[in-house]
Amino acid sequence: MKHKTANEYYRERFGQKIYRIALDGGFTCPTRDGTKGTKGCIFCSGHGSGDFASDRSLDITGQIEQGKRRVENKMPAGGGKYIAYFQAFTGTYAPVSYLRQIYEQAMAHPDIVALDIATRPDCLPDEVIGLLAELNQRKPVWVELGLQTIHEKTAAYIRRGYPLPVYEDALKRLTENGIEVITHVILGLPGETREEMLQTVEYVGSGPISGIKLQLLHVLRGTDLALDYERGAFSCMSMEEYTDLIRDCIALLPEHVVIHRMTGDGARADLIAPLWSTDKKRVLNQLHQKLK
């Protein structure tokens, strides 16, 4: 594979292995708080995709320290460096004054080398992008945009809550302000053909992104997606189908695009399907074989 993985990119940029610490900033989402809905996206867990985030009852510094303890046995003798990853729910969906407080607290930690914020394209008003651009002058700031698909019929089904031009506008304003963007795509969404999935990836790669996350659809307990799965409304891809698809997705992407994810993790206790995805070592081995 000619594309850099996230680990390769981090080593090249920071000169050492970097670990991500998933943080919970106490956010919600417009599809949950009644602004655009109350149920959230159809696939989203009760933790807002922050199943591995630190304890939200702690302040940001406390969450960083908790995250460091989780990986301390992997650290080199001189200590490690980390990315502060605001993963749970929508990481820019709050007043700018609050965002400044928690982002600056994360950036002030001496072991944090970059700030990574997962959010929605419809939750990036100009004043928030201005704050991100300001902070980006001190330490790198990356924004992860949850696009998932370019197909409006699927977007309506998953309750995404915004049309494609909103993503295009957010991407344009972020990159114009010097902020690197990583776009999320979910592969295997109900009703989408293989060709439609490849169309999404090709479209994303044609934009000014710096990285992409290719996420296998996970069916998690407690979601409306699980109800559809259990009544037989759709089936999940096999490992062979998925790894073939990833190979073809990556072939469509420009070489400068960093591959931050090729599978994804769901909370194992909540995972209904596909169960083969829990054998991550086997999946990655097959992916690497196909990408040679």
Protein backbone atom coordinates (compact mmCIF):
# COMPACT_ATOMS: atom_id res chain seq x y z
CA MET A 1 0.00 0.00 0.00
CA LYS A 2 1.48 3.33 -1.05
CA HIS A 3 -0.76 5.39 1.19
CA LYS A 4 0.47 6.21 4.69
CA THR A 5 -1.32 4.71 7.65
CA ALA A 6 -2.07 6.91 10.64
CA ASN A 7 0.85 5.39 12.58
CA GLU A 8 3.24 6.08 9.71
CA TYR A 9 1.96 9.63 9.40
CA TYR A 10 2.31 10.28 13.14
CA ARG A 11 5.87 8.92 13.22
CA GLU A 12 6.84 11.05 10.23
CA ARG A 13 5.29 14.19 11.69
CA PHE A 14 6.18 13.82 15.37
CA GLY A 15 9.23 11.57 15.23
CA GLN A 16 7.81 8.81 17.42
CA LYS A 17 4.79 6.59 17.95
CA ILE A 18 1.77 8.60 19.06
CA TYR A 19 -1.24 7.31 20.98
CA ARG A 20 -4.73 8.77 20.81
CA ILE A 21 -6.67 9.43 24.00
CA ALA A 22 -10.43 9.45 23.43
CA LEU A 23 -12.09 12.21 25.42
CA ASP A 24 -15.70 13.02 26.29
CA GLY A 25 -16.39 16.75 26.32
CA GLY A 26 -19.94 16.36 27.61
CA PHE A 27 -21.48 17.05 24.19
CA THR A 28 -24.74 15.97 22.62
CA CYS A 29 -25.87 16.13 18.96
CA PRO A 30 -28.53 18.09 17.06
CA THR A 31 -30.10 14.76 16.09
CA ARG A 32 -30.51 13.95 19.80
CA ASP A 33 -31.36 17.22 21.56
CA GLY A 34 -34.50 17.91 19.50
CA THR A 35 -32.93 20.40 17.08
CA LYS A 36 -33.09 17.90 14.20
CA GLY A 37 -34.35 14.83 16.00
CA THR A 38 -34.21 12.92 19.25
CA LYS A 39 -33.02 9.42 18.33
CA GLY A 40 -29.57 10.20 16.90
CA CYS A 41 -28.14 8.50 13.84
CA ILE A 42 -29.60 5.05 13.32
CA PHE A 43 -26.28 3.26 13.92
CA CYS A 44 -25.02 5.33 16.85
CA SER A 45 -24.57 3.80 20.29
CA GLY A 46 -25.79 5.41 23.48
CA HIS A 47 -22.25 6.74 23.97
CA GLY A 48 -22.34 8.70 20.72
CA SER A 49 -19.56 6.58 19.19
CA GLY A 50 -17.44 7.39 22.22
CA ASP A 51 -17.56 3.86 23.63
CA PHE A 52 -13.83 3.96 24.41
CA ALA A 53 -13.69 7.53 25.68
CA SER A 54 -12.55 8.45 29.17
CA ASP A 55 -14.96 9.08 32.03
CA ARG A 56 -16.94 12.26 31.33
CA SER A 57 -17.25 12.94 35.07
CA LEU A 58 -13.55 13.88 35.03
CA ASP A 59 -12.28 17.20 33.72
CA ILE A 60 -10.25 17.11 30.52
CA THR A 61 -6.90 16.91 32.30
CA GLY A 62 -8.21 14.04 34.42
CA GLN A 63 -9.46 12.24 31.32
CA ILE A 64 -6.06 12.63 29.66
CA GLU A 65 -4.33 11.17 32.72
CA GLN A 66 -6.82 8.30 32.77
CA GLY A 67 -6.17 7.65 29.09
CA LYS A 68 -2.42 7.68 29.64
CA ARG A 69 -2.72 5.03 32.34
CA ARG A 70 -4.53 2.74 29.91
CA VAL A 71 -1.53 2.57 27.59
CA GLU A 72 1.34 3.23 29.99
CA ASN A 73 2.64 -0.34 29.68
CA LYS A 74 3.27 0.35 25.97
CA MET A 75 5.23 3.53 26.58
CA PRO A 76 8.96 3.97 25.93
CA ALA A 77 11.20 4.70 28.89
CA GLY A 78 11.14 8.43 28.21
CA GLY A 79 7.34 8.63 28.24
CA GLY A 80 4.83 8.92 25.45
CA LYS A 81 3.10 11.62 23.45
CA TYR A 82 -0.60 11.71 22.68
CA ILE A 83 -3.37 13.15 20.55
CA ALA A 84 -6.35 14.55 22.45
CA TYR A 85 -9.30 13.09 20.57
CA PHE A 86 -12.74 14.54 21.29
CA GLN A 87 -14.60 11.47 20.08
CA ALA A 88 -17.97 11.25 21.85
CA PHE A 89 -21.00 12.82 20.18
CA THR A 90 -20.49 16.13 18.29
CA GLY A 91 -17.24 17.76 19.40
CA THR A 92 -18.03 21.33 18.28
CA TYR A 93 -21.67 21.45 19.35
CA ALA A 94 -21.42 23.94 22.21
CA PRO A 95 -20.87 27.68 22.82
CA VAL A 96 -17.48 28.93 21.70
CA SER A 97 -16.59 29.95 25.26
CA TYR A 98 -17.01 26.36 26.45
CA LEU A 99 -15.16 24.94 23.45
CA ARG A 100 -12.23 27.27 24.10
CA GLN A 101 -12.09 26.17 27.72
CA ILE A 102 -11.93 22.43 27.05
CA TYR A 103 -9.76 22.60 23.93
CA GLU A 104 -7.21 24.82 25.66
CA GLN A 105 -7.18 22.56 28.69
CA ALA A 106 -6.34 19.63 26.42
CA MET A 107 -3.68 21.53 24.47
CA ALA A 108 -2.03 22.82 27.64
CA HIS A 109 -1.12 19.28 28.72
CA PRO A 110 2.60 18.83 28.02
CA ASP A 111 2.16 15.32 26.59
CA ILE A 112 -0.48 16.35 24.04
CA VAL A 113 0.95 17.03 20.58
CA ALA A 114 -2.29 17.59 18.62
CA LEU A 115 -6.01 18.12 18.97
CA ASP A 116 -8.43 15.91 16.99
CA ILE A 117 -12.14 16.77 17.01
CA ALA A 118 -14.90 14.54 15.66
CA THR A 119 -17.94 16.54 14.62
CA ARG A 120 -20.74 17.10 12.13
CA PRO A 121 -20.42 19.47 9.15
CA ASP A 122 -23.58 21.28 10.26
CA CYS A 123 -22.04 22.16 13.63
CA LEU A 124 -19.18 24.36 12.41
CA PRO A 125 -20.26 28.03 12.44
CA ASP A 126 -17.62 30.55 11.40
CA GLU A 127 -16.81 31.52 15.00
CA VAL A 128 -15.96 27.89 15.84
CA ILE A 129 -13.75 27.57 12.77
CA GLY A 130 -12.08 30.83 13.82
CA LEU A 131 -11.29 29.32 17.23
CA LEU A 132 -9.91 26.17 15.64
CA ALA A 133 -7.74 28.21 13.28
CA GLU A 134 -6.38 30.19 16.22
CA LEU A 135 -5.53 27.06 18.22
CA ASN A 136 -3.99 25.48 15.11
CA GLN A 137 -1.23 28.08 15.34
CA ARG A 138 -0.13 26.55 18.66
CA LYS A 139 -0.52 22.81 18.08
CA PRO A 140 -1.98 20.92 15.12
CA VAL A 141 -5.77 20.82 15.07
CA TRP A 142 -7.55 18.21 12.95
CA VAL A 143 -11.28 17.95 12.35
CA GLU A 144 -13.02 14.67 11.58
CA LEU A 145 -16.23 15.11 9.59
CA GLY A 146 -18.90 12.41 9.76
CA LEU A 147 -20.08 12.19 6.16
CA GLN A 148 -20.70 8.40 5.95
CA THR A 149 -22.22 8.50 2.44
CA ILE A 150 -22.85 10.86 -0.47
CA HIS A 151 -26.16 9.22 -1.33
CA GLU A 152 -29.14 11.17 -0.04
CA LYS A 153 -31.48 8.16 0.18
CA THR A 154 -29.02 6.51 2.57
CA ALA A 155 -28.44 9.74 4.46
CA ALA A 156 -32.17 10.01 5.08
CA TYR A 157 -32.35 6.39 6.25
CA ILE A 158 -29.50 6.80 8.74
CA ARG A 159 -30.98 10.12 9.96
CA ARG A 160 -27.81 12.06 9.18
CA GLY A 161 -29.73 15.32 9.25
CA TYR A 162 -27.96 17.41 6.61
CA PRO A 163 -27.57 17.37 2.80
CA LEU A 164 -24.27 16.91 0.97
CA PRO A 165 -23.67 20.65 0.23
CA VAL A 166 -23.35 21.23 4.00
CA TYR A 167 -20.37 18.88 4.06
CA GLU A 168 -18.87 20.58 1.01
CA ASP A 169 -19.20 24.01 2.63
CA ALA A 170 -17.68 22.89 5.95
CA LEU A 171 -14.77 21.21 4.18
CA LYS A 172 -14.11 24.35 2.13
CA ARG A 173 -14.15 26.68 5.14
CA LEU A 174 -11.98 24.41 7.28
CA THR A 175 -9.31 23.92 4.63
CA GLU A 176 -9.31 27.61 3.73
CA ASN A 177 -8.43 28.23 7.38
CA GLY A 178 -5.54 25.76 7.30
CA ILE A 179 -7.27 22.99 9.25
CA GLU A 180 -6.69 19.42 8.15
CA VAL A 181 -9.83 17.35 7.61
CA ILE A 182 -10.31 13.60 8.03
CA THR A 183 -13.59 12.33 6.57
CA HIS A 184 -15.54 9.38 7.93
CA VAL A 185 -17.19 6.92 5.54
CA ILE A 186 -19.27 3.91 6.60
CA LEU A 187 -19.12 0.91 4.29
CA GLY A 188 -22.01 -1.56 4.25
CA LEU A 189 -24.89 0.82 4.97
CA PRO A 190 -28.25 -0.85 4.25
CA GLY A 191 -29.46 -0.51 0.69
CA GLU A 192 -26.18 0.67 -0.77
CA THR A 193 -24.57 -1.24 -3.61
CA ARG A 194 -20.86 -1.84 -3.87
CA GLU A 195 -20.72 0.70 -6.67
CA GLU A 196 -22.43 3.34 -4.53
CA MET A 197 -19.91 2.80 -1.73
CA LEU A 198 -17.04 3.22 -4.19
CA GLN A 199 -18.69 6.39 -5.51
CA THR A 200 -18.66 7.83 -2.00
CA VAL A 201 -14.98 7.04 -1.50
CA GLU A 202 -14.02 8.42 -4.90
CA TYR A 203 -15.95 11.63 -4.20
CA VAL A 204 -14.33 12.06 -0.77
CA GLY A 205 -10.87 11.50 -2.24
CA SER A 206 -11.47 14.18 -4.87
CA GLY A 207 -11.85 16.84 -2.16
CA PRO A 208 -9.18 18.67 -0.15
CA ILE A 209 -9.02 16.12 2.67
CA SER A 210 -5.84 15.03 4.41
CA GLY A 211 -7.15 11.69 5.64
CA ILE A 212 -10.03 9.23 5.60
CA LYS A 213 -11.55 6.72 7.99
CA LEU A 214 -13.14 3.72 6.32
CA GLN A 215 -15.51 2.23 8.86
CA LEU A 216 -17.16 -1.16 8.63
CA LEU A 217 -20.84 -0.91 9.55
CA HIS A 218 -21.34 -2.32 13.03
CA VAL A 219 -24.76 -3.35 14.27
CA LEU A 220 -24.88 -2.51 17.97
CA ARG A 221 -27.44 -3.45 20.60
CA GLY A 222 -29.82 -0.68 21.56
CA THR A 223 -29.78 1.03 18.17
CA ASP A 224 -32.60 1.32 15.65
CA LEU A 225 -30.23 -0.23 13.12
CA ALA A 226 -30.24 -3.37 15.28
CA LEU A 227 -34.04 -3.56 15.05
CA ASP A 228 -33.87 -3.48 11.25
CA TYR A 229 -31.13 -6.11 11.24
CA GLU A 230 -33.03 -8.42 13.54
CA ARG A 231 -36.14 -8.29 11.35
CA GLY A 232 -34.03 -9.20 8.31
CA ALA A 233 -34.11 -5.84 6.54
CA PHE A 234 -30.45 -6.14 5.54
CA SER A 235 -27.40 -8.34 5.94
CA CYS A 236 -23.77 -7.51 6.68
CA MET A 237 -20.80 -8.11 4.41
CA SER A 238 -18.56 -11.12 4.83
CA MET A 239 -14.92 -10.55 5.69
CA GLU A 240 -13.94 -11.51 2.13
CA GLU A 241 -16.37 -9.01 0.64
CA TYR A 242 -15.23 -6.27 2.99
CA THR A 243 -11.51 -6.74 2.48
CA ASP A 244 -11.99 -6.81 -1.29
CA LEU A 245 -13.98 -3.59 -1.02
CA ILE A 246 -11.31 -1.87 1.09
CA ARG A 247 -8.66 -2.78 -1.48
CA ASP A 248 -10.75 -1.18 -4.21
CA CYS A 249 -11.57 1.88 -2.08
CA ILE A 250 -7.92 2.61 -1.37
CA ALA A 251 -7.07 2.24 -5.06
CA LEU A 252 -9.40 5.17 -5.75
CA LEU A 253 -7.75 7.53 -3.26
CA PRO A 254 -4.90 9.95 -4.04
CA GLU A 255 -1.63 8.85 -2.44
CA HIS A 256 -1.44 11.91 -0.16
CA VAL A 257 -4.60 10.82 1.68
CA VAL A 258 -3.68 9.17 4.99
CA ILE A 259 -5.64 6.01 5.80
CA HIS A 260 -6.60 6.50 9.45
CA ARG A 261 -8.89 3.48 9.66
CA MET A 262 -9.74 0.42 7.61
CA THR A 263 -12.12 -1.46 9.91
CA GLY A 264 -13.13 0.25 13.14
CA ASP A 265 -14.03 -1.04 16.57
CA GLY A 266 -17.39 -1.45 18.22
CA ALA A 267 -17.89 -2.21 21.89
CA ARG A 268 -17.60 -6.00 21.82
CA ALA A 269 -20.30 -6.53 24.43
CA ASP A 270 -22.79 -4.59 22.28
CA LEU A 271 -21.83 -5.95 18.86
CA ILE A 272 -24.53 -7.99 17.11
CA ALA A 273 -22.95 -8.18 13.65
CA PRO A 274 -20.67 -8.79 11.86
CA LEU A 275 -19.04 -10.96 14.52
CA TRP A 276 -16.01 -11.71 12.34
CA SER A 277 -14.92 -8.11 12.90
CA THR A 278 -13.94 -8.91 16.50
CA ASP A 279 -10.95 -10.92 15.23
CA LYS A 280 -9.10 -7.75 14.33
CA LYS A 281 -5.71 -9.40 13.86
CA ARG A 282 -7.13 -11.81 11.29
CA VAL A 283 -8.99 -9.01 9.48
CA LEU A 284 -5.91 -6.78 9.31
CA ASN A 285 -3.73 -9.66 8.12
CA GLN A 286 -6.13 -10.33 5.27
CA LEU A 287 -6.30 -6.63 4.44
CA HIS A 288 -2.52 -6.31 4.31
CA GLN A 289 -2.29 -9.37 2.04
CA LYS A 290 -4.77 -7.87 -0.39
CA LEU A 291 -3.12 -4.46 -0.33
CA LYS A 292 0.33 -5.78 -1.26
